[in-house]
Amino acid sequence: MSDYCHISWTAGEARVKGFNASNRGKATTVRIELEVTDSDALSWIMRQLQEAQQAAKLRTVTTPTRRARARQDNLLTAADVLALLPAPPLKLSDQRGGRR
C-alpha cells in the first residue's frame, strides 16, 4: 500500500466547486466541495475517500491515557497468577519394591 492518498476522476464527471481551510491548534482542516454530475463517478470518489480514511485510521497510533495506563499496570498477567498458586504436590512412588 502506498503512503500517498489521492482522489481522482475523469474530466467532466466532477469539478471542484470550492474549498477553504481553518486552523485550530496543531491541525489544519481543509474542506473541499465537489460537484459531481455522474453517479458512477460519485461512487468512485466516495470509495476512494473511504479507503483514504481507513488507511489513515490504520496509521494512527493511539497512546493510552494516564488512567488507562494505571488500570493496565494493576492487571495481573497469566504468569503472575500462576506464581501465586501453590506448587503441585509431588508424585512419589514407593521404590523399595516388595509387598507393603
PDB file of N, CA and C in Angstrom:
ATOM      1  N   MET A   1       0.831  -1.166   0.000  1.00  0.00           N
ATOM      2  CA  MET A   1       0.000   0.000   0.000  1.00  0.00           C
ATOM      3  C   MET A   1       0.887   1.245   0.000  1.00  0.00           C
ATOM      4  N   SER A   2       0.511   2.193  -0.788  1.00  0.00           N
ATOM      5  CA  SER A   2       1.267   3.425  -0.903  1.00  0.00           C
ATOM      6  C   SER A   2       1.033   4.319   0.313  1.00  0.00           C
ATOM      7  N   ASP A   3       2.009   5.151   0.621  1.00  0.00           N
ATOM      8  CA  ASP A   3       1.854   6.104   1.713  1.00  0.00           C
ATOM      9  C   ASP A   3       1.077   7.343   1.265  1.00  0.00           C
ATOM     10  N   TYR A   4       0.776   7.456  -0.027  1.00  0.00           N
ATOM     11  CA  TYR A   4       0.077   8.610  -0.555  1.00  0.00           C
ATOM     12  C   TYR A   4      -1.398   8.303  -0.723  1.00  0.00           C
ATOM     13  N   CYS A   5      -2.252   9.262  -0.368  1.00  0.00           N
ATOM     14  CA  CYS A   5      -3.691   9.145  -0.589  1.00  0.00           C
ATOM     15  C   CYS A   5      -4.082  10.197  -1.621  1.00  0.00           C
ATOM     16  N   HIS A   6      -4.922   9.789  -2.567  1.00  0.00           N
ATOM     17  CA  HIS A   6      -5.376  10.738  -3.573  1.00  0.00           C
ATOM     18  C   HIS A   6      -6.760  10.336  -4.050  1.00  0.00           C
ATOM     19  N   ILE A   7      -7.483  11.299  -4.601  1.00  0.00           N
ATOM     20  CA  ILE A   7      -8.748  11.016  -5.261  1.00  0.00           C
ATOM     21  C   ILE A   7      -8.638  11.521  -6.689  1.00  0.00           C
ATOM     22  N   SER A   8      -9.338  10.850  -7.569  1.00  0.00           N
ATOM     23  CA  SER A   8      -9.262  11.256  -8.975  1.00  0.00           C
ATOM     24  C   SER A   8     -10.594  10.976  -9.655  1.00  0.00           C
ATOM     25  N   TRP A   9     -10.815  11.671 -10.766  1.00  0.00           N
ATOM     26  CA  TRP A   9     -11.992  11.449 -11.584  1.00  0.00           C
ATOM     27  C   TRP A   9     -11.694  11.926 -12.982  1.00  0.00           C
ATOM     28  N   THR A  10     -12.502  11.492 -13.911  1.00  0.00           N
ATOM     29  CA  THR A  10     -12.341  11.888 -15.305  1.00  0.00           C
ATOM     30  C   THR A  10     -12.926  13.290 -15.501  1.00  0.00           C
ATOM     31  N   ALA A  11     -12.259  14.088 -16.299  1.00  0.00           N
ATOM     32  CA  ALA A  11     -12.726  15.453 -16.553  1.00  0.00           C
ATOM     33  C   ALA A  11     -14.161  15.422 -17.073  1.00  0.00           C
ATOM     34  N   GLY A  12     -14.986  16.311 -16.549  1.00  0.00           N
ATOM     35  CA  GLY A  12     -16.380  16.396 -16.957  1.00  0.00           C
ATOM     36  C   GLY A  12     -17.318  15.654 -16.017  1.00  0.00           C
ATOM     37  N   GLU A  13     -16.813  14.696 -15.250  1.00  0.00           N
ATOM     38  CA  GLU A  13     -17.667  13.956 -14.319  1.00  0.00           C
ATOM     39  C   GLU A  13     -17.844  14.698 -12.996  1.00  0.00           C
ATOM     40  N   ALA A  14     -16.841  15.481 -12.605  1.00  0.00           N
ATOM     41  CA  ALA A  14     -16.892  16.223 -11.348  1.00  0.00           C
ATOM     42  C   ALA A  14     -16.006  17.451 -11.470  1.00  0.00           C
ATOM     43  N   ARG A  15     -16.277  18.435 -10.608  1.00  0.00           N
ATOM     44  CA  ARG A  15     -15.441  19.627 -10.586  1.00  0.00           C
ATOM     45  C   ARG A  15     -15.368  20.153  -9.167  1.00  0.00           C
ATOM     46  N   VAL A  16     -14.306  20.893  -8.873  1.00  0.00           N
ATOM     47  CA  VAL A  16     -14.140  21.497  -7.556  1.00  0.00           C
ATOM     48  C   VAL A  16     -14.984  22.764  -7.536  1.00  0.00           C
ATOM     49  N   LYS A  17     -15.987  22.755  -6.654  1.00  0.00           N
ATOM     50  CA  LYS A  17     -16.884  23.907  -6.562  1.00  0.00           C
ATOM     51  C   LYS A  17     -16.308  24.964  -5.627  1.00  0.00           C
ATOM     52  N   GLY A  18     -15.601  24.530  -4.591  1.00  0.00           N
ATOM     53  CA  GLY A  18     -14.997  25.480  -3.670  1.00  0.00           C
ATOM     54  C   GLY A  18     -14.158  24.747  -2.635  1.00  0.00           C
ATOM     55  N   PHE A  19     -13.343  25.513  -1.914  1.00  0.00           N
ATOM     56  CA  PHE A  19     -12.525  24.940  -0.856  1.00  0.00           C
ATOM     57  C   PHE A  19     -12.148  26.034   0.128  1.00  0.00           C
ATOM     58  N   ASN A  20     -11.841  25.625   1.358  1.00  0.00           N
ATOM     59  CA  ASN A  20     -11.357  26.554   2.369  1.00  0.00           C
ATOM     60  C   ASN A  20     -10.568  25.785   3.403  1.00  0.00           C
ATOM     61  N   ALA A  21      -9.891  26.512   4.263  1.00  0.00           N
ATOM     62  CA  ALA A  21      -9.085  25.899   5.311  1.00  0.00           C
ATOM     63  C   ALA A  21      -9.309  26.654   6.610  1.00  0.00           C
ATOM     64  N   SER A  22      -9.297  25.910   7.717  1.00  0.00           N
ATOM     65  CA  SER A  22      -9.394  26.542   9.031  1.00  0.00           C
ATOM     66  C   SER A  22      -8.372  25.887   9.949  1.00  0.00           C
ATOM     67  N   ASN A  23      -7.762  26.721  10.779  1.00  0.00           N
ATOM     68  CA  ASN A  23      -6.695  26.250  11.655  1.00  0.00           C
ATOM     69  C   ASN A  23      -7.162  26.321  13.099  1.00  0.00           C
ATOM     70  N   ARG A  24      -7.053  25.172  13.801  1.00  0.00           N
ATOM     71  CA  ARG A  24      -7.375  25.123  15.225  1.00  0.00           C
ATOM     72  C   ARG A  24      -6.278  24.353  15.927  1.00  0.00           C
ATOM     73  N   GLY A  25      -5.438  25.058  16.608  1.00  0.00           N
ATOM     74  CA  GLY A  25      -4.358  24.408  17.346  1.00  0.00           C
ATOM     75  C   GLY A  25      -3.298  23.844  16.422  1.00  0.00           C
ATOM     76  N   LYS A  26      -3.003  22.558  16.585  1.00  0.00           N
ATOM     77  CA  LYS A  26      -1.915  21.929  15.839  1.00  0.00           C
ATOM     78  C   LYS A  26      -2.321  21.469  14.449  1.00  0.00           C
ATOM     79  N   ALA A  27      -3.625  21.288  14.198  1.00  0.00           N
ATOM     80  CA  ALA A  27      -4.078  20.730  12.922  1.00  0.00           C
ATOM     81  C   ALA A  27      -4.847  21.762  12.108  1.00  0.00           C
ATOM     82  N   THR A  28      -4.745  21.642  10.807  1.00  0.00           N
ATOM     83  CA  THR A  28      -5.492  22.475   9.883  1.00  0.00           C
ATOM     84  C   THR A  28      -6.499  21.598   9.157  1.00  0.00           C
ATOM     85  N   THR A  29      -7.732  22.056   9.077  1.00  0.00           N
ATOM     86  CA  THR A  29      -8.780  21.321   8.374  1.00  0.00           C
ATOM     87  C   THR A  29      -9.002  21.974   7.023  1.00  0.00           C
ATOM     88  N   VAL A  30      -8.960  21.157   5.967  1.00  0.00           N
ATOM     89  CA  VAL A  30      -9.219  21.627   4.612  1.00  0.00           C
ATOM     90  C   VAL A  30     -10.539  21.032   4.160  1.00  0.00           C
ATOM     91  N   ARG A  31     -11.474  21.875   3.749  1.00  0.00           N
ATOM     92  CA  ARG A  31     -12.771  21.420   3.250  1.00  0.00           C
ATOM     93  C   ARG A  31     -12.820  21.663   1.747  1.00  0.00           C
ATOM     94  N   ILE A  32     -13.148  20.599   1.026  1.00  0.00           N
ATOM     95  CA  ILE A  32     -13.221  20.672  -0.435  1.00  0.00           C
ATOM     96  C   ILE A  32     -14.638  20.309  -0.843  1.00  0.00           C
ATOM     97  N   GLU A  33     -15.267  21.157  -1.632  1.00  0.00           N
ATOM     98  CA  GLU A  33     -16.626  20.901  -2.102  1.00  0.00           C
ATOM     99  C   GLU A  33     -16.560  20.513  -3.577  1.00  0.00           C
ATOM    100  N   LEU A  34     -17.063  19.307  -3.860  1.00  0.00           N
ATOM    101  CA  LEU A  34     -17.061  18.792  -5.224  1.00  0.00           C
ATOM    102  C   LEU A  34     -18.484  18.771  -5.767  1.00  0.00           C
ATOM    103  N   GLU A  35     -18.615  19.090  -7.038  1.00  0.00           N
ATOM    104  CA  GLU A  35     -19.902  18.970  -7.722  1.00  0.00           C
ATOM    105  C   GLU A  35     -19.770  17.823  -8.716  1.00  0.00           C
ATOM    106  N   VAL A  36     -20.547  16.754  -8.490  1.00  0.00           N
ATOM    107  CA  VAL A  36     -20.433  15.538  -9.294  1.00  0.00           C
ATOM    108  C   VAL A  36     -21.698  15.391 -10.135  1.00  0.00           C
ATOM    109  N   THR A  37     -21.509  15.145 -11.441  1.00  0.00           N
ATOM    110  CA  THR A  37     -22.655  15.013 -12.343  1.00  0.00           C
ATOM    111  C   THR A  37     -22.943  13.568 -12.727  1.00  0.00           C
ATOM    112  N   ASP A  38     -22.035  12.660 -12.471  1.00  0.00           N
ATOM    113  CA  ASP A  38     -22.199  11.259 -12.857  1.00  0.00           C
ATOM    114  C   ASP A  38     -22.251  10.385 -11.601  1.00  0.00           C
ATOM    115  N   SER A  39     -23.265   9.513 -11.510  1.00  0.00           N
ATOM    116  CA  SER A  39     -23.411   8.680 -10.317  1.00  0.00           C
ATOM    117  C   SER A  39     -22.275   7.675 -10.183  1.00  0.00           C
ATOM    118  N   ASP A  40     -21.746   7.171 -11.299  1.00  0.00           N
ATOM    119  CA  ASP A  40     -20.605   6.255 -11.227  1.00  0.00           C
ATOM    120  C   ASP A  40     -19.365   6.975 -10.687  1.00  0.00           C
ATOM    121  N   ALA A  41     -19.161   8.207 -11.109  1.00  0.00           N
ATOM    122  CA  ALA A  41     -18.029   8.990 -10.604  1.00  0.00           C
ATOM    123  C   ALA A  41     -18.205   9.271  -9.119  1.00  0.00           C
ATOM    124  N   LEU A  42     -19.445   9.529  -8.709  1.00  0.00           N
ATOM    125  CA  LEU A  42     -19.714   9.777  -7.291  1.00  0.00           C
ATOM    126  C   LEU A  42     -19.352   8.551  -6.450  1.00  0.00           C
ATOM    127  N   SER A  43     -19.759   7.370  -6.888  1.00  0.00           N
ATOM    128  CA  SER A  43     -19.433   6.164  -6.121  1.00  0.00           C
ATOM    129  C   SER A  43     -17.925   5.916  -6.118  1.00  0.00           C
ATOM    130  N   TRP A  44     -17.260   6.207  -7.229  1.00  0.00           N
ATOM    131  CA  TRP A  44     -15.805   6.027  -7.308  1.00  0.00           C
ATOM    132  C   TRP A  44     -15.090   6.971  -6.331  1.00  0.00           C
ATOM    133  N   ILE A  45     -15.507   8.235  -6.312  1.00  0.00           N
ATOM    134  CA  ILE A  45     -14.894   9.224  -5.422  1.00  0.00           C
ATOM    135  C   ILE A  45     -15.151   8.855  -3.963  1.00  0.00           C
ATOM    136  N   MET A  46     -16.377   8.458  -3.641  1.00  0.00           N
ATOM    137  CA  MET A  46     -16.711   8.076  -2.266  1.00  0.00           C
ATOM    138  C   MET A  46     -15.895   6.857  -1.822  1.00  0.00           C
ATOM    139  N   ARG A  47     -15.695   5.898  -2.724  1.00  0.00           N
ATOM    140  CA  ARG A  47     -14.895   4.714  -2.392  1.00  0.00           C
ATOM    141  C   ARG A  47     -13.443   5.106  -2.125  1.00  0.00           C
ATOM    142  N   GLN A  48     -12.904   6.009  -2.945  1.00  0.00           N
ATOM    143  CA  GLN A  48     -11.527   6.460  -2.733  1.00  0.00           C
ATOM    144  C   GLN A  48     -11.382   7.208  -1.409  1.00  0.00           C
ATOM    145  N   LEU A  49     -12.372   8.015  -1.060  1.00  0.00           N
ATOM    146  CA  LEU A  49     -12.333   8.737   0.217  1.00  0.00           C
ATOM    147  C   LEU A  49     -12.409   7.775   1.394  1.00  0.00           C
ATOM    148  N   GLN A  50     -13.250   6.746   1.279  1.00  0.00           N
ATOM    149  CA  GLN A  50     -13.363   5.758   2.348  1.00  0.00           C
ATOM    150  C   GLN A  50     -12.052   4.996   2.527  1.00  0.00           C
ATOM    151  N   GLU A  51     -11.407   4.619   1.418  1.00  0.00           N
ATOM    152  CA  GLU A  51     -10.119   3.919   1.501  1.00  0.00           C
ATOM    153  C   GLU A  51      -9.053   4.813   2.129  1.00  0.00           C
ATOM    154  N   ALA A  52      -9.053   6.092   1.781  1.00  0.00           N
ATOM    155  CA  ALA A  52      -8.081   7.023   2.371  1.00  0.00           C
ATOM    156  C   ALA A  52      -8.330   7.168   3.867  1.00  0.00           C
ATOM    157  N   GLN A  53      -9.606   7.203   4.273  1.00  0.00           N
ATOM    158  CA  GLN A  53      -9.937   7.321   5.690  1.00  0.00           C
ATOM    159  C   GLN A  53      -9.510   6.061   6.444  1.00  0.00           C
ATOM    160  N   GLN A  54      -9.745   4.887   5.877  1.00  0.00           N
ATOM    161  CA  GLN A  54      -9.340   3.638   6.522  1.00  0.00           C
ATOM    162  C   GLN A  54      -7.822   3.554   6.642  1.00  0.00           C
ATOM    163  N   ALA A  55      -7.108   3.968   5.605  1.00  0.00           N
ATOM    164  CA  ALA A  55      -5.642   3.943   5.640  1.00  0.00           C
ATOM    165  C   ALA A  55      -5.121   4.872   6.738  1.00  0.00           C
ATOM    166  N   ALA A  56      -5.759   6.026   6.901  1.00  0.00           N
ATOM    167  CA  ALA A  56      -5.335   6.965   7.945  1.00  0.00           C
ATOM    168  C   ALA A  56      -5.591   6.385   9.331  1.00  0.00           C
ATOM    169  N   LYS A  57      -6.708   5.664   9.508  1.00  0.00           N
ATOM    170  CA  LYS A  57      -7.001   5.049  10.805  1.00  0.00           C
ATOM    171  C   LYS A  57      -5.977   3.978  11.137  1.00  0.00           C
ATOM    172  N   LEU A  58      -5.529   3.225  10.124  1.00  0.00           N
ATOM    173  CA  LEU A  58      -4.551   2.173  10.371  1.00  0.00           C
ATOM    174  C   LEU A  58      -3.191   2.747  10.751  1.00  0.00           C
ATOM    175  N   ARG A  59      -2.856   3.921  10.208  1.00  0.00           N
ATOM    176  CA  ARG A  59      -1.562   4.538  10.512  1.00  0.00           C
ATOM    177  C   ARG A  59      -1.562   5.269  11.840  1.00  0.00           C
ATOM    178  N   THR A  60      -2.737   5.603  12.355  1.00  0.00           N
ATOM    179  CA  THR A  60      -2.830   6.359  13.602  1.00  0.00           C
ATOM    180  C   THR A  60      -2.472   5.456  14.770  1.00  0.00           C
ATOM    181  N   VAL A  61      -1.520   5.900  15.572  1.00  0.00           N
ATOM    182  CA  VAL A  61      -1.106   5.159  16.764  1.00  0.00           C
ATOM    183  C   VAL A  61      -1.712   5.869  17.966  1.00  0.00           C
ATOM    184  N   THR A  62      -2.501   5.134  18.721  1.00  0.00           N
ATOM    185  CA  THR A  62      -3.107   5.738  19.890  1.00  0.00           C
ATOM    186  C   THR A  62      -2.242   5.457  21.109  1.00  0.00           C
ATOM    187  N   THR A  63      -2.093   6.452  21.943  1.00  0.00           N
ATOM    188  CA  THR A  63      -1.352   6.278  23.187  1.00  0.00           C
ATOM    189  C   THR A  63      -2.363   6.221  24.313  1.00  0.00           C
ATOM    190  N   PRO A  64      -2.189   5.283  25.227  1.00  0.00           N
ATOM    191  CA  PRO A  64      -3.160   5.163  26.311  1.00  0.00           C
ATOM    192  C   PRO A  64      -3.114   6.375  27.241  1.00  0.00           C
ATOM    193  N   THR A  65      -4.262   6.704  27.787  1.00  0.00           N
ATOM    194  CA  THR A  65      -4.327   7.819  28.722  1.00  0.00           C
ATOM    195  C   THR A  65      -3.704   7.400  30.049  1.00  0.00           C
ATOM    196  N   ARG A  66      -3.506   8.368  30.912  1.00  0.00           N
ATOM    197  CA  ARG A  66      -2.902   8.084  32.210  1.00  0.00           C
ATOM    198  C   ARG A  66      -3.763   7.085  32.993  1.00  0.00           C
ATOM    199  N   ARG A  67      -5.072   7.251  32.941  1.00  0.00           N
ATOM    200  CA  ARG A  67      -5.974   6.345  33.646  1.00  0.00           C
ATOM    201  C   ARG A  67      -5.906   4.937  33.057  1.00  0.00           C
ATOM    202  N   ALA A  68      -5.845   4.827  31.739  1.00  0.00           N
ATOM    203  CA  ALA A  68      -5.761   3.512  31.101  1.00  0.00           C
ATOM    204  C   ALA A  68      -4.437   2.828  31.429  1.00  0.00           C
ATOM    205  N   ARG A  69      -3.349   3.598  31.474  1.00  0.00           N
ATOM    206  CA  ARG A  69      -2.054   3.012  31.837  1.00  0.00           C
ATOM    207  C   ARG A  69      -2.069   2.513  33.269  1.00  0.00           C
ATOM    208  N   ALA A  70      -2.679   3.275  34.185  1.00  0.00           N
ATOM    209  CA  ALA A  70      -2.757   2.858  35.586  1.00  0.00           C
ATOM    210  C   ALA A  70      -3.592   1.594  35.720  1.00  0.00           C
ATOM    211  N   ARG A  71      -4.693   1.532  34.988  1.00  0.00           N
ATOM    212  CA  ARG A  71      -5.547   0.349  35.021  1.00  0.00           C
ATOM    213  C   ARG A  71      -4.783  -0.852  34.470  1.00  0.00           C
ATOM    214  N   GLN A  72      -4.013  -0.628  33.419  1.00  0.00           N
ATOM    215  CA  GLN A  72      -3.244  -1.708  32.806  1.00  0.00           C
ATOM    216  C   GLN A  72      -2.127  -2.178  33.743  1.00  0.00           C
ATOM    217  N   ASP A  73      -1.525  -1.259  34.499  1.00  0.00           N
ATOM    218  CA  ASP A  73      -0.465  -1.628  35.435  1.00  0.00           C
ATOM    219  C   ASP A  73      -0.987  -2.471  36.590  1.00  0.00           C
ATOM    220  N   ASN A  74      -2.265  -2.302  36.935  1.00  0.00           N
ATOM    221  CA  ASN A  74      -2.844  -3.039  38.049  1.00  0.00           C
ATOM    222  C   ASN A  74      -3.315  -4.437  37.666  1.00  0.00           C
ATOM    223  N   LEU A  75      -3.353  -4.752  36.388  1.00  0.00           N
ATOM    224  CA  LEU A  75      -3.815  -6.065  35.943  1.00  0.00           C
ATOM    225  C   LEU A  75      -2.719  -7.103  36.132  1.00  0.00           C
ATOM    226  N   LEU A  76      -3.117  -8.296  36.544  1.00  0.00           N
ATOM    227  CA  LEU A  76      -2.168  -9.397  36.687  1.00  0.00           C
ATOM    228  C   LEU A  76      -2.089 -10.166  35.377  1.00  0.00           C
ATOM    229  N   THR A  77      -0.891 -10.546  35.006  1.00  0.00           N
ATOM    230  CA  THR A  77      -0.717 -11.371  33.821  1.00  0.00           C
ATOM    231  C   THR A  77      -0.907 -12.834  34.211  1.00  0.00           C
ATOM    232  N   ALA A  78      -0.988 -13.705  33.229  1.00  0.00           N
ATOM    233  CA  ALA A  78      -1.143 -15.132  33.492  1.00  0.00           C
ATOM    234  C   ALA A  78       0.044 -15.657  34.294  1.00  0.00           C
ATOM    235  N   ALA A  79       1.232 -15.175  34.014  1.00  0.00           N
ATOM    236  CA  ALA A  79       2.420 -15.612  34.746  1.00  0.00           C
ATOM    237  C   ALA A  79       2.340 -15.181  36.216  1.00  0.00           C
ATOM    238  N   ASP A  80       1.784 -13.980  36.471  1.00  0.00           N
ATOM    239  CA  ASP A  80       1.631 -13.508  37.848  1.00  0.00           C
ATOM    240  C   ASP A  80       0.655 -14.395  38.619  1.00  0.00           C
ATOM    241  N   VAL A  81      -0.452 -14.765  37.970  1.00  0.00           N
ATOM    242  CA  VAL A  81      -1.452 -15.614  38.625  1.00  0.00           C
ATOM    243  C   VAL A  81      -0.860 -16.980  38.930  1.00  0.00           C
ATOM    244  N   LEU A  82      -0.128 -17.555  37.982  1.00  0.00           N
ATOM    245  CA  LEU A  82       0.490 -18.860  38.214  1.00  0.00           C
ATOM    246  C   LEU A  82       1.524 -18.795  39.336  1.00  0.00           C
ATOM    247  N   ALA A  83       2.221 -17.689  39.472  1.00  0.00           N
ATOM    248  CA  ALA A  83       3.217 -17.548  40.526  1.00  0.00           C
ATOM    249  C   ALA A  83       2.559 -17.513  41.906  1.00  0.00           C
ATOM    250  N   LEU A  84       1.312 -17.070  41.979  1.00  0.00           N
ATOM    251  CA  LEU A  84       0.608 -17.004  43.255  1.00  0.00           C
ATOM    252  C   LEU A  84       0.074 -18.372  43.709  1.00  0.00           C
ATOM    253  N   LEU A  85      -0.095 -19.293  42.775  1.00  0.00           N
ATOM    254  CA  LEU A  85      -0.625 -20.615  43.116  1.00  0.00           C
ATOM    255  C   LEU A  85       0.434 -21.454  43.821  1.00  0.00           C
ATOM    256  N   PRO A  86      -0.009 -22.337  44.719  1.00  0.00           N
ATOM    257  CA  PRO A  86       0.966 -23.225  45.358  1.00  0.00           C
ATOM    258  C   PRO A  86       1.495 -24.242  44.360  1.00  0.00           C
ATOM    259  N   ALA A  87       2.679 -24.763  44.642  1.00  0.00           N
ATOM    260  CA  ALA A  87       3.282 -25.760  43.755  1.00  0.00           C
ATOM    261  C   ALA A  87       2.436 -27.028  43.794  1.00  0.00           C
ATOM    262  N   PRO A  88       2.345 -27.758  42.673  1.00  0.00           N
ATOM    263  CA  PRO A  88       1.571 -29.000  42.674  1.00  0.00           C
ATOM    264  C   PRO A  88       2.258 -30.039  43.557  1.00  0.00           C
ATOM    265  N   PRO A  89       1.488 -30.961  44.152  1.00  0.00           N
ATOM    266  CA  PRO A  89       2.101 -31.986  45.009  1.00  0.00           C
ATOM    267  C   PRO A  89       2.997 -32.905  44.192  1.00  0.00           C
ATOM    268  N   LEU A  90       4.052 -33.364  44.813  1.00  0.00           N
ATOM    269  CA  LEU A  90       4.977 -34.271  44.141  1.00  0.00           C
ATOM    270  C   LEU A  90       4.340 -35.643  44.012  1.00  0.00           C
ATOM    271  N   LYS A  91       4.547 -36.286  42.900  1.00  0.00           N
ATOM    272  CA  LYS A  91       4.032 -37.628  42.690  1.00  0.00           C
ATOM    273  C   LYS A  91       5.152 -38.617  43.001  1.00  0.00           C
ATOM    274  N   LEU A  92       5.162 -39.089  44.220  1.00  0.00           N
ATOM    275  CA  LEU A  92       6.200 -40.004  44.672  1.00  0.00           C
ATOM    276  C   LEU A  92       5.649 -41.428  44.656  1.00  0.00           C
ATOM    277  N   SER A  93       6.458 -42.332  44.280  1.00  0.00           N
ATOM    278  CA  SER A  93       6.056 -43.739  44.338  1.00  0.00           C
ATOM    279  C   SER A  93       7.075 -44.490  45.193  1.00  0.00           C
ATOM    280  N   ASP A  94       6.631 -45.586  45.751  1.00  0.00           N
ATOM    281  CA  ASP A  94       7.486 -46.419  46.623  1.00  0.00           C
ATOM    282  C   ASP A  94       8.466 -47.173  45.744  1.00  0.00           C
ATOM    283  N   GLN A  95       9.734 -46.902  45.901  1.00  0.00           N
ATOM    284  CA  GLN A  95      10.777 -47.507  45.080  1.00  0.00           C
ATOM    285  C   GLN A  95      11.433 -48.709  45.782  1.00  0.00           C
ATOM    286  N   ARG A  96      10.946 -49.121  46.960  1.00  0.00           N
ATOM    287  CA  ARG A  96      11.585 -50.191  47.722  1.00  0.00           C
ATOM    288  C   ARG A  96      11.284 -51.561  47.157  1.00  0.00           C
ATOM    289  N   GLY A  97      10.226 -51.677  46.436  1.00  0.00           N
ATOM    290  CA  GLY A  97       9.849 -52.978  45.895  1.00  0.00           C
ATOM    291  C   GLY A  97       9.241 -53.856  46.975  1.00  0.00           C
ATOM    292  N   GLY A  98       8.783 -55.020  46.595  1.00  0.00           N
ATOM    293  CA  GLY A  98       8.215 -55.970  47.536  1.00  0.00           C
ATOM    294  C   GLY A  98       6.809 -55.591  47.946  1.00  0.00           C
ATOM    295  N   ARG A  99       6.350 -56.283  48.996  1.00  0.00           N
ATOM    296  CA  ARG A  99       4.986 -56.049  49.486  1.00  0.00           C
ATOM    297  C   ARG A  99       4.941 -54.913  50.483  1.00  0.00           C
ATOM    298  N   ARG A 100       3.781 -54.398  50.623  1.00  0.00           N
ATOM    299  CA  ARG A 100       3.596 -53.325  51.590  1.00  0.00           C
ATOM    300  C   ARG A 100       3.004 -53.868  52.842  1.00  0.00           C
TER     301      ARG A 100
END
